[in-house]
Amino acid sequence: MSGWHAMHTIGPNLARSTIGYLNSSSLPLDYSGCVPTVTYEGDNNVLLQQTAKFLLLQFDNIRKGRDLSPTF
């Protein structure tokens, strides 16, 4: 999530600023560092879905009074 947030924060500011494309502003370097992070280890959409599924299953286990031991 932080990679997406950084990319969507730096990108528009890079385009809006008159000095955004200068290396002295460090925005081009920051942006080029943030863009690839949203796809490391697969697409973040898949990772977010897997995390949401795990959390919903754990919530269901809590609701039913089951043990929350890790299921690796």
PDB file of N, CA and C in Angstrom:
ATOM      1  N   MET A   1       0.825  -1.201   0.000  1.00  0.00           N
ATOM      2  CA  MET A   1       0.000   0.000   0.000  1.00  0.00           C
ATOM      3  C   MET A   1       0.866   1.261   0.000  1.00  0.00           C
ATOM      4  N   SER A   2       1.976   1.209   0.705  1.00  0.00           N
ATOM      5  CA  SER A   2       2.816   2.404   0.763  1.00  0.00           C
ATOM      6  C   SER A   2       3.435   2.708  -0.600  1.00  0.00           C
ATOM      7  N   GLY A   3       3.740   1.659  -1.366  1.00  0.00           N
ATOM      8  CA  GLY A   3       4.284   1.876  -2.710  1.00  0.00           C
ATOM      9  C   GLY A   3       3.283   2.563  -3.615  1.00  0.00           C
ATOM     10  N   TRP A   4       2.022   2.111  -3.550  1.00  0.00           N
ATOM     11  CA  TRP A   4       0.971   2.742  -4.351  1.00  0.00           C
ATOM     12  C   TRP A   4       0.779   4.195  -3.932  1.00  0.00           C
ATOM     13  N   HIS A   5       0.761   4.421  -2.632  1.00  0.00           N
ATOM     14  CA  HIS A   5       0.543   5.779  -2.136  1.00  0.00           C
ATOM     15  C   HIS A   5       1.683   6.702  -2.571  1.00  0.00           C
ATOM     16  N   ALA A   6       2.912   6.227  -2.450  1.00  0.00           N
ATOM     17  CA  ALA A   6       4.061   7.044  -2.849  1.00  0.00           C
ATOM     18  C   ALA A   6       4.026   7.340  -4.340  1.00  0.00           C
ATOM     19  N   MET A   7       3.713   6.331  -5.140  1.00  0.00           N
ATOM     20  CA  MET A   7       3.671   6.523  -6.590  1.00  0.00           C
ATOM     21  C   MET A   7       2.601   7.545  -6.985  1.00  0.00           C
ATOM     22  N   HIS A   8       1.435   7.442  -6.357  1.00  0.00           N
ATOM     23  CA  HIS A   8       0.344   8.352  -6.709  1.00  0.00           C
ATOM     24  C   HIS A   8       0.496   9.738  -6.076  1.00  0.00           C
ATOM     25  N   THR A   9       1.398   9.878  -5.139  1.00  0.00           N
ATOM     26  CA  THR A   9       1.679  11.193  -4.562  1.00  0.00           C
ATOM     27  C   THR A   9       2.781  11.907  -5.328  1.00  0.00           C
ATOM     28  N   ILE A  10       3.849  11.189  -5.630  1.00  0.00           N
ATOM     29  CA  ILE A  10       4.989  11.803  -6.311  1.00  0.00           C
ATOM     30  C   ILE A  10       4.684  12.079  -7.780  1.00  0.00           C
ATOM     31  N   GLY A  11       3.989  11.164  -8.451  1.00  0.00           N
ATOM     32  CA  GLY A  11       3.717  11.304  -9.893  1.00  0.00           C
ATOM     33  C   GLY A  11       3.059  12.617 -10.283  1.00  0.00           C
ATOM     34  N   PRO A  12       1.917  12.952  -9.686  1.00  0.00           N
ATOM     35  CA  PRO A  12       1.273  14.225 -10.046  1.00  0.00           C
ATOM     36  C   PRO A  12       2.115  15.443  -9.685  1.00  0.00           C
ATOM     37  N   ASN A  13       2.813  15.380  -8.569  1.00  0.00           N
ATOM     38  CA  ASN A  13       3.664  16.513  -8.189  1.00  0.00           C
ATOM     39  C   ASN A  13       4.832  16.664  -9.139  1.00  0.00           C
ATOM     40  N   LEU A  14       5.322  15.566  -9.666  1.00  0.00           N
ATOM     41  CA  LEU A  14       6.400  15.611 -10.639  1.00  0.00           C
ATOM     42  C   LEU A  14       5.932  16.315 -11.910  1.00  0.00           C
ATOM     43  N   ALA A  15       4.727  16.014 -12.335  1.00  0.00           N
ATOM     44  CA  ALA A  15       4.201  16.609 -13.562  1.00  0.00           C
ATOM     45  C   ALA A  15       3.781  18.065 -13.374  1.00  0.00           C
ATOM     46  N   ARG A  16       3.293  18.423 -12.189  1.00  0.00           N
ATOM     47  CA  ARG A  16       2.805  19.780 -11.948  1.00  0.00           C
ATOM     48  C   ARG A  16       3.913  20.792 -11.748  1.00  0.00           C
ATOM     49  N   SER A  17       4.982  20.356 -11.142  1.00  0.00           N
ATOM     50  CA  SER A  17       6.040  21.282 -10.755  1.00  0.00           C
ATOM     51  C   SER A  17       6.882  21.697 -11.960  1.00  0.00           C
ATOM     52  N   THR A  18       7.240  22.960 -12.006  1.00  0.00           N
ATOM     53  CA  THR A  18       8.099  23.433 -13.101  1.00  0.00           C
ATOM     54  C   THR A  18       9.530  22.950 -12.917  1.00  0.00           C
ATOM     55  N   ILE A  19       9.911  22.638 -11.675  1.00  0.00           N
ATOM     56  CA  ILE A  19      11.261  22.121 -11.446  1.00  0.00           C
ATOM     57  C   ILE A  19      11.237  20.625 -11.127  1.00  0.00           C
ATOM     58  N   GLY A  20      10.095  19.992 -11.308  1.00  0.00           N
ATOM     59  CA  GLY A  20       9.937  18.590 -10.949  1.00  0.00           C
ATOM     60  C   GLY A  20      10.869  17.652 -11.670  1.00  0.00           C
ATOM     61  N   TYR A  21      11.205  17.974 -12.921  1.00  0.00           N
ATOM     62  CA  TYR A  21      12.044  17.073 -13.696  1.00  0.00           C
ATOM     63  C   TYR A  21      13.536  17.311 -13.483  1.00  0.00           C
ATOM     64  N   LEU A  22      13.889  18.313 -12.699  1.00  0.00           N
ATOM     65  CA  LEU A  22      15.298  18.547 -12.399  1.00  0.00           C
ATOM     66  C   LEU A  22      15.778  17.520 -11.380  1.00  0.00           C
ATOM     67  N   ASN A  23      16.982  17.024 -11.582  1.00  0.00           N
ATOM     68  CA  ASN A  23      17.520  16.058 -10.635  1.00  0.00           C
ATOM     69  C   ASN A  23      17.710  16.662  -9.249  1.00  0.00           C
ATOM     70  N   SER A  24      17.900  17.961  -9.171  1.00  0.00           N
ATOM     71  CA  SER A  24      18.088  18.597  -7.868  1.00  0.00           C
ATOM     72  C   SER A  24      16.821  18.547  -7.012  1.00  0.00           C
ATOM     73  N   SER A  25      15.663  18.343  -7.634  1.00  0.00           N
ATOM     74  CA  SER A  25      14.428  18.250  -6.856  1.00  0.00           C
ATOM     75  C   SER A  25      14.265  16.867  -6.235  1.00  0.00           C
ATOM     76  N   SER A  26      15.014  15.885  -6.698  1.00  0.00           N
ATOM     77  CA  SER A  26      14.993  14.479  -6.275  1.00  0.00           C
ATOM     78  C   SER A  26      13.671  13.776  -6.576  1.00  0.00           C
ATOM     79  N   LEU A  27      12.711  14.456  -7.165  1.00  0.00           N
ATOM     80  CA  LEU A  27      11.454  13.803  -7.524  1.00  0.00           C
ATOM     81  C   LEU A  27      11.626  12.717  -8.599  1.00  0.00           C
ATOM     82  N   PRO A  28      12.426  12.945  -9.650  1.00  0.00           N
ATOM     83  CA  PRO A  28      12.589  11.866 -10.633  1.00  0.00           C
ATOM     84  C   PRO A  28      13.197  10.606 -10.027  1.00  0.00           C
ATOM     85  N   LEU A  29      14.169  10.771  -9.149  1.00  0.00           N
ATOM     86  CA  LEU A  29      14.795   9.617  -8.508  1.00  0.00           C
ATOM     87  C   LEU A  29      13.817   8.914  -7.571  1.00  0.00           C
ATOM     88  N   ASP A  30      13.074   9.685  -6.802  1.00  0.00           N
ATOM     89  CA  ASP A  30      12.081   9.098  -5.902  1.00  0.00           C
ATOM     90  C   ASP A  30      11.002   8.354  -6.681  1.00  0.00           C
ATOM     91  N   TYR A  31      10.530   8.962  -7.760  1.00  0.00           N
ATOM     92  CA  TYR A  31       9.473   8.345  -8.560  1.00  0.00           C
ATOM     93  C   TYR A  31       9.969   7.065  -9.222  1.00  0.00           C
ATOM     94  N   SER A  32      11.189   7.095  -9.765  1.00  0.00           N
ATOM     95  CA  SER A  32      11.703   5.889 -10.419  1.00  0.00           C
ATOM     96  C   SER A  32      11.978   4.788  -9.402  1.00  0.00           C
ATOM     97  N   GLY A  33      12.149   5.138  -8.156  1.00  0.00           N
ATOM     98  CA  GLY A  33      12.312   4.131  -7.121  1.00  0.00           C
ATOM     99  C   GLY A  33      11.001   3.566  -6.623  1.00  0.00           C
ATOM    100  N   CYS A  34       9.936   4.355  -6.720  1.00  0.00           N
ATOM    101  CA  CYS A  34       8.628   3.921  -6.217  1.00  0.00           C
ATOM    102  C   CYS A  34       7.841   3.094  -7.231  1.00  0.00           C
ATOM    103  N   VAL A  35       7.974   3.405  -8.493  1.00  0.00           N
ATOM    104  CA  VAL A  35       7.150   2.748  -9.513  1.00  0.00           C
ATOM    105  C   VAL A  35       7.341   1.229  -9.534  1.00  0.00           C
ATOM    106  N   PRO A  36       8.575   0.714  -9.513  1.00  0.00           N
ATOM    107  CA  PRO A  36       8.704  -0.743  -9.562  1.00  0.00           C
ATOM    108  C   PRO A  36       8.236  -1.458  -8.300  1.00  0.00           C
ATOM    109  N   THR A  37       8.183  -0.754  -7.174  1.00  0.00           N
ATOM    110  CA  THR A  37       7.804  -1.428  -5.930  1.00  0.00           C
ATOM    111  C   THR A  37       6.367  -1.912  -5.929  1.00  0.00           C
ATOM    112  N   VAL A  38       5.527  -1.356  -6.789  1.00  0.00           N
ATOM    113  CA  VAL A  38       4.131  -1.793  -6.790  1.00  0.00           C
ATOM    114  C   VAL A  38       3.951  -3.145  -7.464  1.00  0.00           C
ATOM    115  N   THR A  39       4.973  -3.646  -8.129  1.00  0.00           N
ATOM    116  CA  THR A  39       4.837  -4.955  -8.771  1.00  0.00           C
ATOM    117  C   THR A  39       5.881  -5.967  -8.312  1.00  0.00           C
ATOM    118  N   TYR A  40       6.703  -5.642  -7.324  1.00  0.00           N
ATOM    119  CA  TYR A  40       7.640  -6.636  -6.796  1.00  0.00           C
ATOM    120  C   TYR A  40       6.858  -7.808  -6.219  1.00  0.00           C
ATOM    121  N   GLU A  41       7.377  -8.986  -6.418  1.00  0.00           N
ATOM    122  CA  GLU A  41       6.770 -10.217  -5.897  1.00  0.00           C
ATOM    123  C   GLU A  41       5.339 -10.409  -6.390  1.00  0.00           C
ATOM    124  N   GLY A  42       5.085 -10.073  -7.621  1.00  0.00           N
ATOM    125  CA  GLY A  42       3.748 -10.252  -8.184  1.00  0.00           C
ATOM    126  C   GLY A  42       2.933  -8.983  -8.092  1.00  0.00           C
ATOM    127  N   ASP A  43       1.797  -9.023  -8.688  1.00  0.00           N
ATOM    128  CA  ASP A  43       0.922  -7.861  -8.710  1.00  0.00           C
ATOM    129  C   ASP A  43       0.357  -7.600  -7.322  1.00  0.00           C
ATOM    130  N   ASN A  44       0.382  -6.360  -6.896  1.00  0.00           N
ATOM    131  CA  ASN A  44      -0.109  -6.023  -5.561  1.00  0.00           C
ATOM    132  C   ASN A  44      -1.586  -6.315  -5.386  1.00  0.00           C
ATOM    133  N   ASN A  45      -2.350  -6.320  -6.465  1.00  0.00           N
ATOM    134  CA  ASN A  45      -3.769  -6.653  -6.336  1.00  0.00           C
ATOM    135  C   ASN A  45      -3.941  -8.063  -5.804  1.00  0.00           C
ATOM    136  N   VAL A  46      -3.138  -8.981  -6.286  1.00  0.00           N
ATOM    137  CA  VAL A  46      -3.209 -10.367  -5.819  1.00  0.00           C
ATOM    138  C   VAL A  46      -2.780 -10.454  -4.360  1.00  0.00           C
ATOM    139  N   LEU A  47      -1.713  -9.747  -4.004  1.00  0.00           N
ATOM    140  CA  LEU A  47      -1.251  -9.769  -2.618  1.00  0.00           C
ATOM    141  C   LEU A  47      -2.297  -9.192  -1.671  1.00  0.00           C
ATOM    142  N   LEU A  48      -2.945  -8.124  -2.093  1.00  0.00           N
ATOM    143  CA  LEU A  48      -3.995  -7.535  -1.252  1.00  0.00           C
ATOM    144  C   LEU A  48      -5.174  -8.481  -1.101  1.00  0.00           C
ATOM    145  N   GLN A  49      -5.538  -9.191  -2.155  1.00  0.00           N
ATOM    146  CA  GLN A  49      -6.638 -10.148  -2.076  1.00  0.00           C
ATOM    147  C   GLN A  49      -6.293 -11.308  -1.148  1.00  0.00           C
ATOM    148  N   GLN A  50      -5.069 -11.794  -1.230  1.00  0.00           N
ATOM    149  CA  GLN A  50      -4.654 -12.890  -0.356  1.00  0.00           C
ATOM    150  C   GLN A  50      -4.643 -12.452   1.108  1.00  0.00           C
ATOM    151  N   THR A  51      -4.188 -11.247   1.366  1.00  0.00           N
ATOM    152  CA  THR A  51      -4.175 -10.738   2.731  1.00  0.00           C
ATOM    153  C   THR A  51      -5.598 -10.566   3.255  1.00  0.00           C
ATOM    154  N   ALA A  52      -6.476 -10.027   2.424  1.00  0.00           N
ATOM    155  CA  ALA A  52      -7.870  -9.843   2.833  1.00  0.00           C
ATOM    156  C   ALA A  52      -8.529 -11.186   3.122  1.00  0.00           C
ATOM    157  N   LYS A  53      -8.267 -12.190   2.298  1.00  0.00           N
ATOM    158  CA  LYS A  53      -8.849 -13.514   2.519  1.00  0.00           C
ATOM    159  C   LYS A  53      -8.369 -14.093   3.842  1.00  0.00           C
ATOM    160  N   PHE A  54      -7.068 -13.976   4.115  1.00  0.00           N
ATOM    161  CA  PHE A  54      -6.519 -14.478   5.372  1.00  0.00           C
ATOM    162  C   PHE A  54      -7.165 -13.776   6.568  1.00  0.00           C
ATOM    163  N   LEU A  55      -7.283 -12.443   6.493  1.00  0.00           N
ATOM    164  CA  LEU A  55      -7.869 -11.700   7.606  1.00  0.00           C
ATOM    165  C   LEU A  55      -9.334 -12.051   7.820  1.00  0.00           C
ATOM    166  N   LEU A  56     -10.074 -12.240   6.743  1.00  0.00           N
ATOM    167  CA  LEU A  56     -11.479 -12.635   6.883  1.00  0.00           C
ATOM    168  C   LEU A  56     -11.617 -14.025   7.485  1.00  0.00           C
ATOM    169  N   LEU A  57     -10.728 -14.940   7.108  1.00  0.00           N
ATOM    170  CA  LEU A  57     -10.760 -16.280   7.698  1.00  0.00           C
ATOM    171  C   LEU A  57     -10.416 -16.224   9.191  1.00  0.00           C
ATOM    172  N   GLN A  58      -9.441 -15.389   9.554  1.00  0.00           N
ATOM    173  CA  GLN A  58      -9.102 -15.249  10.969  1.00  0.00           C
ATOM    174  C   GLN A  58     -10.250 -14.611  11.756  1.00  0.00           C
ATOM    175  N   PHE A  59     -10.921 -13.643  11.163  1.00  0.00           N
ATOM    176  CA  PHE A  59     -12.075 -13.027  11.812  1.00  0.00           C
ATOM    177  C   PHE A  59     -13.164 -14.064  12.038  1.00  0.00           C
ATOM    178  N   ASP A  60     -13.393 -14.921  11.047  1.00  0.00           N
ATOM    179  CA  ASP A  60     -14.396 -15.980  11.171  1.00  0.00           C
ATOM    180  C   ASP A  60     -13.996 -16.961  12.279  1.00  0.00           C
ATOM    181  N   ASN A  61     -12.706 -17.275  12.369  1.00  0.00           N
ATOM    182  CA  ASN A  61     -12.234 -18.169  13.431  1.00  0.00           C
ATOM    183  C   ASN A  61     -12.453 -17.543  14.807  1.00  0.00           C
ATOM    184  N   ILE A  62     -12.211 -16.249  14.939  1.00  0.00           N
ATOM    185  CA  ILE A  62     -12.444 -15.567  16.211  1.00  0.00           C
ATOM    186  C   ILE A  62     -13.928 -15.593  16.555  1.00  0.00           C
ATOM    187  N   ARG A  63     -14.749 -15.316  15.549  1.00  0.00           N
ATOM    188  CA  ARG A  63     -16.190 -15.280  15.772  1.00  0.00           C
ATOM    189  C   ARG A  63     -16.726 -16.634  16.223  1.00  0.00           C
ATOM    190  N   LYS A  64     -16.142 -17.710  15.690  1.00  0.00           N
ATOM    191  CA  LYS A  64     -16.597 -19.063  16.040  1.00  0.00           C
ATOM    192  C   LYS A  64     -15.852 -19.648  17.233  1.00  0.00           C
ATOM    193  N   GLY A  65     -14.919 -18.882  17.825  1.00  0.00           N
ATOM    194  CA  GLY A  65     -14.212 -19.334  19.010  1.00  0.00           C
ATOM    195  C   GLY A  65     -13.139 -20.367  18.738  1.00  0.00           C
ATOM    196  N   ARG A  66     -12.643 -20.425  17.531  1.00  0.00           N
ATOM    197  CA  ARG A  66     -11.608 -21.399  17.171  1.00  0.00           C
ATOM    198  C   ARG A  66     -10.226 -20.885  17.557  1.00  0.00           C
ATOM    199  N   ASP A  67      -9.269 -21.819  17.577  1.00  0.00           N
ATOM    200  CA  ASP A  67      -7.877 -21.496  17.871  1.00  0.00           C
ATOM    201  C   ASP A  67      -7.280 -20.718  16.689  1.00  0.00           C
ATOM    202  N   LEU A  68      -6.475 -19.705  16.991  1.00  0.00           N
ATOM    203  CA  LEU A  68      -5.859 -18.885  15.933  1.00  0.00           C
ATOM    204  C   LEU A  68      -4.420 -19.278  15.675  1.00  0.00           C
ATOM    205  N   SER A  69      -4.090 -20.548  15.869  1.00  0.00           N
ATOM    206  CA  SER A  69      -2.714 -20.971  15.609  1.00  0.00           C
ATOM    207  C   SER A  69      -2.390 -20.807  14.128  1.00  0.00           C
ATOM    208  N   PRO A  70      -1.130 -20.473  13.815  1.00  0.00           N
ATOM    209  CA  PRO A  70      -0.758 -20.248  12.410  1.00  0.00           C
ATOM    210  C   PRO A  70      -0.961 -21.500  11.570  1.00  0.00           C
ATOM    211  N   THR A  71      -1.369 -21.297  10.335  1.00  0.00           N
ATOM    212  CA  THR A  71      -1.604 -22.410   9.409  1.00  0.00           C
ATOM    213  C   THR A  71      -0.646 -22.294   8.248  1.00  0.00           C
ATOM    214  N   PHE A  72       0.638 -22.466   8.530  1.00  0.00           N
ATOM    215  CA  PHE A  72       1.659 -22.321   7.487  1.00  0.00           C
ATOM    216  C   PHE A  72       1.742 -23.550   6.656  1.00  0.00           C
TER     217      PHE A  72
END
